[in-house]
Amino acid sequence: MEDSADLGLVLRDHGYRLTSPRWLVWSVLRSAGSHLTAEEIADQVNAADPTINISSVYRSLTLFEDLDLVRESHLGIDGSARWEIAHPDDHFHMVCRGCGKVDHHVGELVDQVRSHLASQHDFTVDNVDLVVTGLCGDCS
């Protein structure tokens, strides 16, 4: 989803309005070059509109997550949840324990995990959130 018109349509289709706080939270996430905490999102939103508080940011994030527009991940960086625009489950997160950089790896591994769990454990997977920690090339 690229712009406010698309976000507005998704929200309206589910009985919600496109409000200023929702648009600002969405804009921050779309332009983020990294995974952001709610506090980091709130700081950027508040810089654009000081009347929007962190509660509005959390409500927007919760709504966006309910609509599968964003993902919350616990990457083990500092105990904080991190937020990003939703992406397919065929990604997993590689977190550098040196610098904290987070990269996505795209491949067939997640599909293999899903297949294994279904065939070997009779387990139906709803969501896969794989986090791998180590050192990135710059830190190793």
Protein backbone atom coordinates (compact mmCIF):
# COMPACT_ATOMS: atom_id res chain seq x y z
CA MET A 1 0.00 0.00 0.00
CA GLU A 2 1.54 3.24 -1.13
CA ASP A 3 -0.44 6.30 -0.02
CA SER A 4 -3.20 7.81 2.08
CA ALA A 5 -5.87 6.92 -0.50
CA ASP A 6 -5.01 3.23 -0.18
CA LEU A 7 -4.86 3.41 3.62
CA GLY A 8 -8.12 5.33 3.68
CA LEU A 9 -9.82 2.66 1.55
CA VAL A 10 -8.61 -0.17 3.77
CA LEU A 11 -9.75 1.65 6.89
CA ARG A 12 -13.15 2.55 5.41
CA ASP A 13 -13.65 -1.04 4.23
CA HIS A 14 -13.34 -2.07 7.88
CA GLY A 15 -15.50 0.73 9.29
CA TYR A 16 -12.73 3.14 10.36
CA ARG A 17 -11.77 6.68 9.35
CA LEU A 18 -8.40 7.93 8.21
CA THR A 19 -7.51 10.33 11.01
CA SER A 20 -4.47 12.55 11.30
CA PRO A 21 -2.82 10.38 13.98
CA ARG A 22 -3.35 7.24 11.88
CA TRP A 23 -1.95 8.91 8.77
CA LEU A 24 1.11 10.22 10.65
CA VAL A 25 1.85 6.82 12.24
CA TRP A 26 1.49 5.18 8.83
CA SER A 27 3.76 7.80 7.23
CA VAL A 28 6.47 7.28 9.85
CA LEU A 29 6.39 3.51 9.37
CA ARG A 30 6.41 3.79 5.56
CA SER A 31 9.44 6.07 5.58
CA ALA A 32 11.34 4.20 8.32
CA GLY A 33 14.62 2.67 7.34
CA SER A 34 14.48 0.38 10.34
CA HIS A 35 12.20 -1.33 12.81
CA LEU A 36 10.87 1.29 15.25
CA THR A 37 9.65 1.17 18.82
CA ALA A 38 6.32 2.79 19.62
CA GLU A 39 8.26 5.51 21.44
CA GLU A 40 10.38 6.22 18.36
CA ILE A 41 7.25 6.39 16.24
CA ALA A 42 5.61 8.69 18.79
CA ASP A 43 8.64 11.01 18.77
CA GLN A 44 8.44 11.40 15.00
CA VAL A 45 4.66 11.79 15.02
CA ASN A 46 4.90 14.33 17.83
CA ALA A 47 7.49 16.33 15.86
CA ALA A 48 4.92 16.68 13.06
CA ASP A 49 1.97 17.30 15.38
CA PRO A 50 2.66 17.95 19.08
CA THR A 51 -1.00 17.37 19.97
CA ILE A 52 -0.78 13.64 19.19
CA ASN A 53 0.21 11.60 22.24
CA ILE A 54 1.66 8.12 22.58
CA SER A 55 -1.75 6.64 23.40
CA SER A 56 -2.96 7.62 19.92
CA VAL A 57 0.16 6.02 18.45
CA TYR A 58 -0.50 2.76 20.32
CA ARG A 59 -4.17 2.76 19.26
CA SER A 60 -3.13 3.28 15.63
CA LEU A 61 -0.53 0.51 15.81
CA THR A 62 -3.04 -1.88 17.38
CA LEU A 63 -5.62 -1.12 14.69
CA PHE A 64 -3.04 -1.51 11.91
CA GLU A 65 -1.92 -4.83 13.38
CA ASP A 66 -5.53 -6.04 13.60
CA LEU A 67 -5.90 -5.18 9.89
CA ASP A 68 -2.60 -6.96 9.04
CA LEU A 69 -1.01 -3.71 7.87
CA VAL A 70 1.89 -3.76 10.34
CA ARG A 71 3.86 -6.34 12.28
CA GLU A 72 5.08 -6.25 15.82
CA SER A 73 8.30 -8.15 16.48
CA HIS A 74 10.33 -8.80 19.59
CA LEU A 75 13.88 -8.75 18.29
CA GLY A 76 15.71 -9.07 21.60
CA ILE A 77 17.46 -5.72 21.19
CA ASP A 78 16.34 -4.02 24.40
CA GLY A 79 13.13 -5.79 25.35
CA SER A 80 11.02 -3.32 23.37
CA ALA A 81 8.61 -4.39 20.68
CA ARG A 82 9.54 -3.12 17.22
CA TRP A 83 7.09 -2.21 14.49
CA GLU A 84 7.29 -2.37 10.72
CA ILE A 85 5.03 -2.48 7.70
CA ALA A 86 3.64 -6.01 7.31
CA HIS A 87 5.54 -8.35 5.05
CA PRO A 88 5.09 -11.98 4.06
CA ASP A 89 6.17 -14.66 6.50
CA ASP A 90 8.90 -15.82 4.14
CA HIS A 91 11.21 -13.26 5.77
CA PHE A 92 13.07 -13.63 9.00
CA HIS A 93 15.00 -11.11 11.04
CA MET A 94 18.76 -11.16 11.48
CA VAL A 95 19.70 -8.98 14.46
CA CYS A 96 23.31 -7.91 15.01
CA ARG A 97 24.15 -8.07 18.71
CA GLY A 98 27.02 -5.64 18.07
CA CYS A 99 25.40 -2.65 16.38
CA GLY A 100 21.70 -3.59 16.62
CA LYS A 101 21.16 -3.52 12.85
CA VAL A 102 18.19 -5.60 11.69
CA ASP A 103 18.05 -7.16 8.23
CA HIS A 104 15.46 -9.35 6.57
CA HIS A 105 16.41 -12.62 4.98
CA VAL A 106 14.15 -13.83 2.21
CA GLY A 107 14.16 -17.50 1.31
CA GLU A 108 12.42 -20.82 1.60
CA LEU A 109 13.34 -21.52 5.21
CA VAL A 110 10.05 -20.30 6.68
CA ASP A 111 8.08 -22.45 4.24
CA GLN A 112 10.21 -25.42 5.28
CA VAL A 113 9.42 -24.72 8.95
CA ARG A 114 5.69 -24.46 8.17
CA SER A 115 5.74 -27.71 6.17
CA HIS A 116 7.72 -29.55 8.84
CA LEU A 117 5.37 -28.44 11.61
CA ALA A 118 2.31 -29.43 9.58
CA SER A 119 3.56 -32.82 8.41
CA GLN A 120 5.63 -33.93 11.40
CA HIS A 121 3.70 -32.35 14.28
CA ASP A 122 0.15 -31.88 12.95
CA PHE A 123 0.49 -28.19 13.81
CA THR A 124 -1.17 -25.41 11.81
CA VAL A 125 0.97 -22.28 11.85
CA ASP A 126 -0.70 -18.87 12.09
CA ASN A 127 2.41 -16.72 12.04
CA VAL A 128 6.15 -17.23 11.85
CA ASP A 129 8.46 -14.68 13.44
CA LEU A 130 12.00 -16.01 13.27
CA VAL A 131 14.75 -13.95 14.87
CA VAL A 132 18.40 -14.87 14.42
CA THR A 133 21.02 -13.05 16.48
CA GLY A 134 24.72 -12.82 15.72
CA LEU A 135 27.19 -10.37 14.26
CA CYS A 136 26.79 -8.55 10.95
CA GLY A 137 29.69 -8.31 8.51
CA ASP A 138 30.70 -4.89 9.85
CA CYS A 139 30.82 -6.07 13.47
CA SER A 140 32.45 -9.48 12.93
